[in-house]
Amino acid sequence: YHDTITRAYLRGVQAHVAARPSGESLVACVNALLGSAAGRRDWPLHFYSRDRLFSVAARRGFIPPDLASLPGPC
């Protein structure tokens, strides 16, 4: 389990869902997410330096990003 990566992706999913059209099917929404930048495995590295993201502290608990703010509400 990696706390920071998990929470970062949750923020990305929340932002994605908030931006999708109302009434869109779950399948369409998920497919759009998987095809978007937030669906890429390296997406968190837009917000975190590699050393920070893969640190012991980031695995054990959430740490704030050092490159850019995560999308969505805190």
C-alpha atoms as a PDB file:
ATOM      1  CA  TYR A   1       0.000   0.000   0.000  1.00  0.00           C
ATOM      2  CA  HIS A   2       1.251   3.476  -0.904  1.00  0.00           C
ATOM      3  CA  ASP A   3      -0.798   6.164   0.815  1.00  0.00           C
ATOM      4  CA  THR A   4       0.281   9.178  -1.232  1.00  0.00           C
ATOM      5  CA  ILE A   5      -0.178   7.501  -4.615  1.00  0.00           C
ATOM      6  CA  THR A   6      -3.592   6.185  -3.580  1.00  0.00           C
ATOM      7  CA  ARG A   7      -4.791   9.594  -2.414  1.00  0.00           C
ATOM      8  CA  ALA A   8      -3.352  11.368  -5.461  1.00  0.00           C
ATOM      9  CA  TYR A   9      -5.252   9.045  -7.801  1.00  0.00           C
ATOM     10  CA  LEU A  10      -8.437   9.527  -5.778  1.00  0.00           C
ATOM     11  CA  ARG A  11      -8.103  13.277  -6.291  1.00  0.00           C
ATOM     12  CA  GLY A  12      -7.586  12.708 -10.017  1.00  0.00           C
ATOM     13  CA  VAL A  13     -10.659  10.489 -10.249  1.00  0.00           C
ATOM     14  CA  GLN A  14     -12.756  13.035  -8.317  1.00  0.00           C
ATOM     15  CA  ALA A  15     -11.662  15.831 -10.656  1.00  0.00           C
ATOM     16  CA  HIS A  16     -12.347  13.663 -13.707  1.00  0.00           C
ATOM     17  CA  VAL A  17     -15.855  12.706 -12.566  1.00  0.00           C
ATOM     18  CA  ALA A  18     -16.678  16.332 -11.682  1.00  0.00           C
ATOM     19  CA  ALA A  19     -15.735  17.420 -15.213  1.00  0.00           C
ATOM     20  CA  ARG A  20     -17.791  14.757 -17.015  1.00  0.00           C
ATOM     21  CA  PRO A  21     -21.271  15.389 -18.415  1.00  0.00           C
ATOM     22  CA  SER A  22     -24.188  14.703 -16.118  1.00  0.00           C
ATOM     23  CA  GLY A  23     -25.957  11.463 -16.947  1.00  0.00           C
ATOM     24  CA  GLU A  24     -22.950   9.890 -18.648  1.00  0.00           C
ATOM     25  CA  SER A  25     -22.775   6.124 -18.199  1.00  0.00           C
ATOM     26  CA  LEU A  26     -20.245   4.665 -15.789  1.00  0.00           C
ATOM     27  CA  VAL A  27     -18.635   2.717 -18.625  1.00  0.00           C
ATOM     28  CA  ALA A  28     -18.142   5.868 -20.713  1.00  0.00           C
ATOM     29  CA  CYS A  29     -16.779   7.786 -17.727  1.00  0.00           C
ATOM     30  CA  VAL A  30     -14.297   5.042 -16.787  1.00  0.00           C
ATOM     31  CA  ASN A  31     -13.183   4.566 -20.391  1.00  0.00           C
ATOM     32  CA  ALA A  32     -12.589   8.311 -20.695  1.00  0.00           C
ATOM     33  CA  LEU A  33     -10.581   8.288 -17.453  1.00  0.00           C
ATOM     34  CA  LEU A  34      -8.415   5.402 -18.617  1.00  0.00           C
ATOM     35  CA  GLY A  35      -7.721   7.213 -21.885  1.00  0.00           C
ATOM     36  CA  SER A  36      -6.871  10.499 -20.172  1.00  0.00           C
ATOM     37  CA  ALA A  37      -3.645  11.790 -18.633  1.00  0.00           C
ATOM     38  CA  ALA A  38      -4.988  10.957 -15.142  1.00  0.00           C
ATOM     39  CA  GLY A  39      -5.308   7.329 -16.196  1.00  0.00           C
ATOM     40  CA  ARG A  40      -1.618   6.981 -16.959  1.00  0.00           C
ATOM     41  CA  ARG A  41       0.622   5.243 -14.455  1.00  0.00           C
ATOM     42  CA  ASP A  42       3.078   8.169 -14.411  1.00  0.00           C
ATOM     43  CA  TRP A  43       0.346  10.781 -13.752  1.00  0.00           C
ATOM     44  CA  PRO A  44       1.409  11.470 -10.118  1.00  0.00           C
ATOM     45  CA  LEU A  45       4.860  12.475 -11.374  1.00  0.00           C
ATOM     46  CA  HIS A  46       3.296  15.656 -12.799  1.00  0.00           C
ATOM     47  CA  PHE A  47       2.846  16.738  -9.173  1.00  0.00           C
ATOM     48  CA  TYR A  48       5.653  14.960  -7.294  1.00  0.00           C
ATOM     49  CA  SER A  49       9.341  14.563  -7.887  1.00  0.00           C
ATOM     50  CA  ARG A  50      10.282  10.889  -8.147  1.00  0.00           C
ATOM     51  CA  ASP A  51      12.340  10.965  -4.928  1.00  0.00           C
ATOM     52  CA  ARG A  52       9.503  12.517  -2.933  1.00  0.00           C
ATOM     53  CA  LEU A  53       6.778  10.268  -4.332  1.00  0.00           C
ATOM     54  CA  PHE A  54       8.690   7.056  -3.700  1.00  0.00           C
ATOM     55  CA  SER A  55       9.970   8.023  -0.267  1.00  0.00           C
ATOM     56  CA  VAL A  56       9.193   6.016   2.857  1.00  0.00           C
ATOM     57  CA  ALA A  57       7.180   8.956   4.205  1.00  0.00           C
ATOM     58  CA  ALA A  58       4.979   9.005   1.084  1.00  0.00           C
ATOM     59  CA  ARG A  59       4.308   5.291   1.376  1.00  0.00           C
ATOM     60  CA  ARG A  60       3.369   5.516   5.047  1.00  0.00           C
ATOM     61  CA  GLY A  61       1.143   8.610   4.872  1.00  0.00           C
ATOM     62  CA  PHE A  62       0.022  11.371   2.571  1.00  0.00           C
ATOM     63  CA  ILE A  63       2.582  14.056   1.803  1.00  0.00           C
ATOM     64  CA  PRO A  64       1.796  17.165  -0.254  1.00  0.00           C
ATOM     65  CA  PRO A  65       3.189  17.462  -3.780  1.00  0.00           C
ATOM     66  CA  ASP A  66       6.360  19.421  -4.433  1.00  0.00           C
ATOM     67  CA  LEU A  67       5.966  20.283  -8.139  1.00  0.00           C
ATOM     68  CA  ALA A  68       2.319  21.316  -8.626  1.00  0.00           C
ATOM     69  CA  SER A  69      -0.982  21.203  -6.767  1.00  0.00           C
ATOM     70  CA  LEU A  70      -3.184  18.160  -7.144  1.00  0.00           C
ATOM     71  CA  PRO A  71      -6.524  18.758  -8.859  1.00  0.00           C
ATOM     72  CA  GLY A  72      -9.793  18.916  -6.995  1.00  0.00           C
ATOM     73  CA  PRO A  73     -10.665  19.750  -3.417  1.00  0.00           C
ATOM     74  CA  CYS A  74      -8.263  19.081  -0.566  1.00  0.00           C
END
